[in-house]
Amino acid sequence: MTAATHVVPRDLPRQVSLSTGLRNTMTLTWRNLVQIKHNPMELVDLSVQPIMFVLLFAFVFGPAMAGSVEDYLPILIPGIIVQNALFASMTTGVGLNNDVTKGVFDRFRSLPIARSAPLAGRIIADTVKQAWSMFIVMVVGLIIGFRVETSWVNLLPAFLLLLAFSLLFAWVSVFVGLAVDEPEKVQIFGFTIIFPVSFLSNAFIPVSDKYPGWIRTVMENNPVSLLGDAIRGLLIGHKVTDPSMGQPVLTPAIQALIWGVAIAALFIPLSMRAFRRKV
């Protein structure tokens, strides 16, 4: 008779080289992108929602806000791109929560890969999805009449600015996704936080003296407003309230990135602590 041997499971060592860690991250990034083929509704969400927002705001609110759809598009398209980028960042939290609650991260722990690779792979993959969503908004805007009045070359820095801020803001979604126990709670957070932040900005209407002082202060210093101003400056080159005046780009872009760095500095430590507890 022989006694049964009980093997105690343990984590594999994570002392991997930098090149191996990067390779692990890229592999898991590709894994998160390829799964769209098996779950096409994920890409549909990132495509249909932007189209719906652009068409509803342009044709329902445009004539009332600016007199015509064409006059409203220089305000709307940059603003809706920013709002949509923030909403798209919530997919990171939803995806992370699904992976954790379904035990995917437990299986990753048994593999000889960098511990940070699953998290980094998810964030990078979702940044690529956000780029797709921004592209959809721009295409729909061009179809219904929006025009780039500066240079088409400016589309590149505009998208890079948005992706940089989205990458920093995504850490909010990472923390929420790791802190809650259901994906639906991440989506609730997105609607209860991002919607007010978006509407207390100049994303859909210019800031006016008609607003109370505290609301005007919030609207002028809101990161959504700062990003919207920078994008308008890059794409149309002038203020929508006064076409004779040039639209600044560098100042609002730097201020928006400062907002993003501050948000990331707060939520990265919180996210990593939650990540270590979960994984």
Protein backbone atom coordinates (compact mmCIF):
# COMPACT_ATOMS: atom_id res chain seq x y z
CA MET A 1 0.00 0.00 0.00
CA THR A 2 1.23 3.45 -0.84
CA ALA A 3 0.03 6.69 0.66
CA ALA A 4 -1.52 9.27 -1.62
CA THR A 5 0.67 12.26 -2.28
CA HIS A 6 -0.98 15.65 -1.99
CA VAL A 7 0.56 18.31 -4.15
CA VAL A 8 0.18 21.80 -2.74
CA PRO A 9 -0.44 24.25 -5.61
CA ARG A 10 1.84 27.23 -5.66
CA ASP A 11 2.41 30.17 -7.91
CA LEU A 12 5.15 29.85 -10.47
CA PRO A 13 7.97 32.37 -10.14
CA ARG A 14 7.45 35.67 -11.92
CA GLN A 15 11.11 36.64 -12.30
CA VAL A 16 11.04 37.01 -16.06
CA SER A 17 13.15 39.24 -18.25
CA LEU A 18 11.87 42.53 -19.64
CA SER A 19 11.71 41.12 -23.17
CA THR A 20 9.76 38.10 -21.96
CA GLY A 21 7.36 40.32 -20.04
CA LEU A 22 6.77 42.46 -23.12
CA ARG A 23 6.22 39.36 -25.22
CA ASN A 24 3.72 38.04 -22.64
CA THR A 25 1.90 41.39 -22.69
CA MET A 26 1.66 41.45 -26.49
CA THR A 27 0.41 37.85 -26.53
CA LEU A 28 -2.37 38.64 -24.07
CA THR A 29 -3.16 41.87 -25.92
CA TRP A 30 -3.71 39.80 -29.06
CA ARG A 31 -5.80 37.34 -27.06
CA ASN A 32 -8.12 40.16 -25.94
CA LEU A 33 -8.44 41.45 -29.51
CA VAL A 34 -8.98 38.06 -31.14
CA GLN A 35 -11.85 37.23 -28.80
CA ILE A 36 -13.92 39.88 -30.60
CA LYS A 37 -14.29 37.24 -33.33
CA HIS A 38 -16.11 35.02 -30.81
CA ASN A 39 -18.00 37.90 -29.21
CA PRO A 40 -18.83 40.33 -32.04
CA MET A 41 -21.36 42.17 -29.86
CA GLU A 42 -18.40 43.81 -28.11
CA LEU A 43 -17.38 45.53 -31.34
CA VAL A 44 -21.01 46.32 -32.14
CA ASP A 45 -21.30 48.20 -28.83
CA LEU A 46 -18.21 50.23 -29.67
CA SER A 47 -19.61 51.03 -33.12
CA VAL A 48 -23.37 51.48 -32.70
CA GLN A 49 -23.32 53.69 -29.61
CA PRO A 50 -21.05 56.36 -31.19
CA ILE A 51 -23.18 56.42 -34.35
CA MET A 52 -26.37 56.74 -32.29
CA PHE A 53 -24.99 59.60 -30.19
CA VAL A 54 -23.70 61.53 -33.21
CA LEU A 55 -26.95 61.26 -35.17
CA LEU A 56 -29.24 62.01 -32.23
CA PHE A 57 -27.32 65.04 -31.00
CA ALA A 58 -26.69 66.41 -34.49
CA PHE A 59 -30.21 66.17 -35.91
CA VAL A 60 -32.27 66.60 -32.72
CA PHE A 61 -30.28 69.26 -30.86
CA GLY A 62 -28.31 70.82 -33.72
CA PRO A 63 -31.06 73.06 -35.18
CA ALA A 64 -32.06 74.28 -31.69
CA MET A 65 -28.49 74.80 -30.44
CA ALA A 66 -26.84 76.39 -33.47
CA GLY A 67 -29.56 77.00 -36.03
CA SER A 68 -28.56 74.12 -38.31
CA VAL A 69 -26.86 70.76 -38.23
CA GLU A 70 -23.87 72.09 -40.20
CA ASP A 71 -23.24 74.93 -37.74
CA TYR A 72 -23.51 72.56 -34.77
CA LEU A 73 -21.05 69.93 -36.02
CA PRO A 74 -17.85 71.93 -35.17
CA ILE A 75 -19.06 71.95 -31.56
CA LEU A 76 -20.48 68.45 -31.47
CA ILE A 77 -17.96 66.18 -33.21
CA PRO A 78 -14.89 67.04 -31.08
CA GLY A 79 -17.03 66.90 -27.94
CA ILE A 80 -18.68 63.59 -28.80
CA ILE A 81 -15.29 62.06 -29.63
CA VAL A 82 -14.04 62.97 -26.15
CA GLN A 83 -17.19 61.71 -24.42
CA ASN A 84 -17.12 58.49 -26.39
CA ALA A 85 -13.44 57.92 -25.51
CA LEU A 86 -14.29 58.15 -21.81
CA PHE A 87 -17.21 55.74 -22.17
CA ALA A 88 -15.05 53.32 -24.17
CA SER A 89 -12.50 53.27 -21.34
CA MET A 90 -15.12 51.60 -19.15
CA THR A 91 -14.78 48.44 -21.26
CA THR A 92 -11.43 47.88 -19.54
CA GLY A 93 -13.11 47.57 -16.15
CA VAL A 94 -15.88 45.36 -17.51
CA GLY A 95 -13.38 43.03 -19.20
CA LEU A 96 -11.14 42.82 -16.13
CA ASN A 97 -14.09 42.07 -13.88
CA ASN A 98 -15.24 39.29 -16.23
CA ASP A 99 -11.75 37.76 -16.30
CA VAL A 100 -11.41 37.85 -12.51
CA THR A 101 -14.91 36.59 -11.64
CA LYS A 102 -14.76 33.79 -14.24
CA GLY A 103 -11.40 32.51 -13.01
CA VAL A 104 -9.36 33.50 -16.07
CA PHE A 105 -6.77 35.26 -13.91
CA ASP A 106 -6.49 32.16 -11.71
CA ARG A 107 -5.42 30.18 -14.77
CA PHE A 108 -2.92 32.89 -15.69
CA ARG A 109 -1.30 32.46 -12.27
CA SER A 110 -0.33 28.90 -13.17
CA LEU A 111 1.56 30.05 -16.26
CA PRO A 112 5.23 31.13 -16.29
CA ILE A 113 4.39 34.67 -17.39
CA ALA A 114 4.88 38.12 -15.93
CA ARG A 115 2.25 38.82 -13.28
CA SER A 116 1.51 42.23 -14.79
CA ALA A 117 1.02 40.87 -18.34
CA PRO A 118 -2.73 40.08 -18.07
CA LEU A 119 -3.48 43.57 -16.74
CA ALA A 120 -1.25 45.37 -19.24
CA GLY A 121 -2.57 43.25 -22.11
CA ARG A 122 -6.15 44.15 -21.25
CA ILE A 123 -5.40 47.89 -21.07
CA ILE A 124 -3.50 47.97 -24.38
CA ALA A 125 -6.16 45.93 -26.19
CA ASP A 126 -8.92 48.23 -24.94
CA THR A 127 -6.93 51.26 -26.06
CA VAL A 128 -6.93 49.80 -29.58
CA LYS A 129 -10.71 49.35 -29.33
CA GLN A 130 -11.06 52.97 -28.24
CA ALA A 131 -9.13 54.05 -31.34
CA TRP A 132 -11.66 52.15 -33.45
CA SER A 133 -14.55 53.87 -31.67
CA MET A 134 -12.99 57.31 -32.22
CA PHE A 135 -12.52 56.47 -35.89
CA ILE A 136 -16.21 55.58 -36.21
CA VAL A 137 -17.27 58.94 -34.73
CA MET A 138 -15.00 60.85 -37.11
CA VAL A 139 -16.24 58.95 -40.17
CA VAL A 140 -19.90 59.49 -39.27
CA GLY A 141 -19.18 63.18 -38.63
CA LEU A 142 -17.56 63.56 -42.04
CA ILE A 143 -20.49 61.82 -43.71
CA ILE A 144 -23.07 64.19 -42.21
CA GLY A 145 -21.06 67.37 -42.91
CA PHE A 146 -18.21 67.91 -40.44
CA ARG A 147 -15.08 69.24 -42.15
CA VAL A 148 -11.46 69.45 -41.05
CA GLU A 149 -10.62 73.12 -41.65
CA THR A 150 -6.93 73.02 -40.72
CA SER A 151 -5.02 70.02 -42.08
CA TRP A 152 -5.71 66.31 -42.28
CA VAL A 153 -2.27 65.80 -40.74
CA ASN A 154 -3.72 67.21 -37.50
CA LEU A 155 -5.91 64.13 -37.14
CA LEU A 156 -2.87 62.19 -35.92
CA PRO A 157 -1.97 64.43 -32.93
CA ALA A 158 -5.68 64.75 -32.12
CA PHE A 159 -6.07 60.98 -31.89
CA LEU A 160 -2.78 60.58 -30.02
CA LEU A 161 -3.88 63.18 -27.47
CA LEU A 162 -7.18 61.39 -26.92
CA LEU A 163 -5.54 57.97 -26.66
CA ALA A 164 -2.97 59.31 -24.18
CA PHE A 165 -5.67 60.75 -21.95
CA SER A 166 -7.80 57.61 -22.33
CA LEU A 167 -4.86 55.44 -21.31
CA LEU A 168 -4.41 57.53 -18.15
CA PHE A 169 -8.14 57.69 -17.41
CA ALA A 170 -8.47 53.92 -17.94
CA TRP A 171 -6.95 53.37 -14.49
CA VAL A 172 -10.22 54.60 -13.00
CA SER A 173 -11.98 51.82 -14.87
CA VAL A 174 -9.29 49.32 -13.82
CA PHE A 175 -9.82 50.14 -10.16
CA VAL A 176 -13.61 49.97 -10.39
CA GLY A 177 -13.44 46.68 -12.33
CA LEU A 178 -11.23 45.12 -9.66
CA ALA A 179 -13.13 46.60 -6.71
CA VAL A 180 -16.68 45.49 -7.58
CA ASP A 181 -18.03 41.98 -7.90
CA GLU A 182 -20.20 42.32 -11.03
CA PRO A 183 -19.57 43.79 -14.50
CA GLU A 184 -22.90 45.63 -14.34
CA LYS A 185 -21.60 47.75 -11.47
CA VAL A 186 -18.75 48.99 -13.67
CA GLN A 187 -21.29 50.10 -16.26
CA ILE A 188 -23.38 51.83 -13.57
CA PHE A 189 -20.28 53.74 -12.50
CA GLY A 190 -19.69 54.81 -16.08
CA PHE A 191 -23.17 56.25 -16.48
CA THR A 192 -23.31 57.94 -13.05
CA ILE A 193 -19.88 59.59 -13.33
CA ILE A 194 -19.07 60.11 -17.02
CA PHE A 195 -22.46 61.47 -18.03
CA PRO A 196 -22.39 64.39 -15.53
CA VAL A 197 -18.74 65.12 -16.30
CA SER A 198 -19.54 65.19 -20.03
CA PHE A 199 -22.55 67.46 -19.76
CA LEU A 200 -20.83 69.85 -17.32
CA SER A 201 -18.44 70.75 -20.15
CA ASN A 202 -18.38 72.49 -23.50
CA ALA A 203 -18.67 69.17 -25.34
CA PHE A 204 -22.19 69.97 -26.56
CA ILE A 205 -22.67 73.67 -25.99
CA PRO A 206 -20.28 76.65 -25.62
CA VAL A 207 -19.68 78.02 -22.13
CA SER A 208 -21.85 81.10 -21.61
CA ASP A 209 -22.15 83.91 -19.08
CA LYS A 210 -25.76 82.82 -18.60
CA TYR A 211 -24.59 79.95 -16.39
CA PRO A 212 -24.07 80.46 -12.64
CA GLY A 213 -20.48 81.23 -11.75
CA TRP A 214 -19.67 77.86 -10.15
CA ILE A 215 -21.08 75.90 -13.09
CA ARG A 216 -19.10 78.05 -15.53
CA THR A 217 -15.93 77.43 -13.52
CA VAL A 218 -16.50 73.67 -13.61
CA MET A 219 -17.24 73.74 -17.34
CA GLU A 220 -14.15 75.77 -18.18
CA ASN A 221 -11.76 73.59 -16.14
CA ASN A 222 -13.35 70.24 -16.89
CA PRO A 223 -10.89 67.84 -18.60
CA VAL A 224 -13.61 67.07 -21.16
CA SER A 225 -13.77 70.80 -22.03
CA LEU A 226 -9.98 71.06 -22.20
CA LEU A 227 -9.75 68.06 -24.52
CA GLY A 228 -12.62 69.40 -26.62
CA ASP A 229 -10.88 72.76 -26.99
CA ALA A 230 -7.60 71.12 -27.99
CA ILE A 231 -9.32 68.88 -30.56
CA ARG A 232 -11.26 71.82 -32.02
CA GLY A 233 -8.06 73.82 -32.27
CA LEU A 234 -6.35 70.98 -34.14
CA LEU A 235 -9.25 70.24 -36.49
CA ILE A 236 -11.06 73.52 -37.11
CA GLY A 237 -8.48 76.06 -35.92
CA HIS A 238 -10.87 78.70 -34.59
CA LYS A 239 -13.33 79.33 -31.79
CA VAL A 240 -16.87 78.21 -32.57
CA THR A 241 -18.24 81.26 -30.72
CA ASP A 242 -16.03 83.68 -32.69
CA PRO A 243 -14.59 82.34 -35.97
CA SER A 244 -12.31 85.38 -36.22
CA MET A 245 -10.33 84.24 -33.17
CA GLY A 246 -7.81 81.40 -33.24
CA GLN A 247 -8.46 78.40 -31.04
CA PRO A 248 -5.59 77.58 -28.62
CA VAL A 249 -4.25 74.03 -28.71
CA LEU A 250 -1.15 73.63 -26.59
CA THR A 251 -2.49 75.11 -23.33
CA PRO A 252 -5.70 73.03 -23.09
CA ALA A 253 -3.85 69.92 -24.29
CA ILE A 254 -1.23 70.26 -21.53
CA GLN A 255 -3.90 71.01 -18.92
CA ALA A 256 -5.91 67.96 -19.99
CA LEU A 257 -2.82 65.74 -19.77
CA ILE A 258 -2.09 67.16 -16.29
CA TRP A 259 -5.60 66.09 -15.32
CA GLY A 260 -4.90 62.64 -16.76
CA VAL A 261 -1.57 62.28 -14.93
CA ALA A 262 -3.21 63.34 -11.65
CA ILE A 263 -6.01 60.80 -12.14
CA ALA A 264 -3.53 58.04 -12.98
CA ALA A 265 -1.30 58.96 -10.01
CA LEU A 266 -4.30 58.49 -7.71
CA PHE A 267 -5.79 55.35 -9.22
CA ILE A 268 -2.69 53.35 -10.26
CA PRO A 269 -1.68 52.60 -6.62
CA LEU A 270 -5.31 51.83 -5.74
CA SER A 271 -5.63 49.59 -8.80
CA MET A 272 -2.39 47.70 -8.09
CA ARG A 273 -3.44 47.11 -4.49
CA ALA A 274 -6.82 45.78 -5.65
CA PHE A 275 -5.04 43.71 -8.34
CA ARG A 276 -2.76 42.06 -5.77
CA ARG A 277 -5.75 41.24 -3.58
CA LYS A 278 -7.68 39.72 -6.48
CA VAL A 279 -4.74 37.96 -8.15
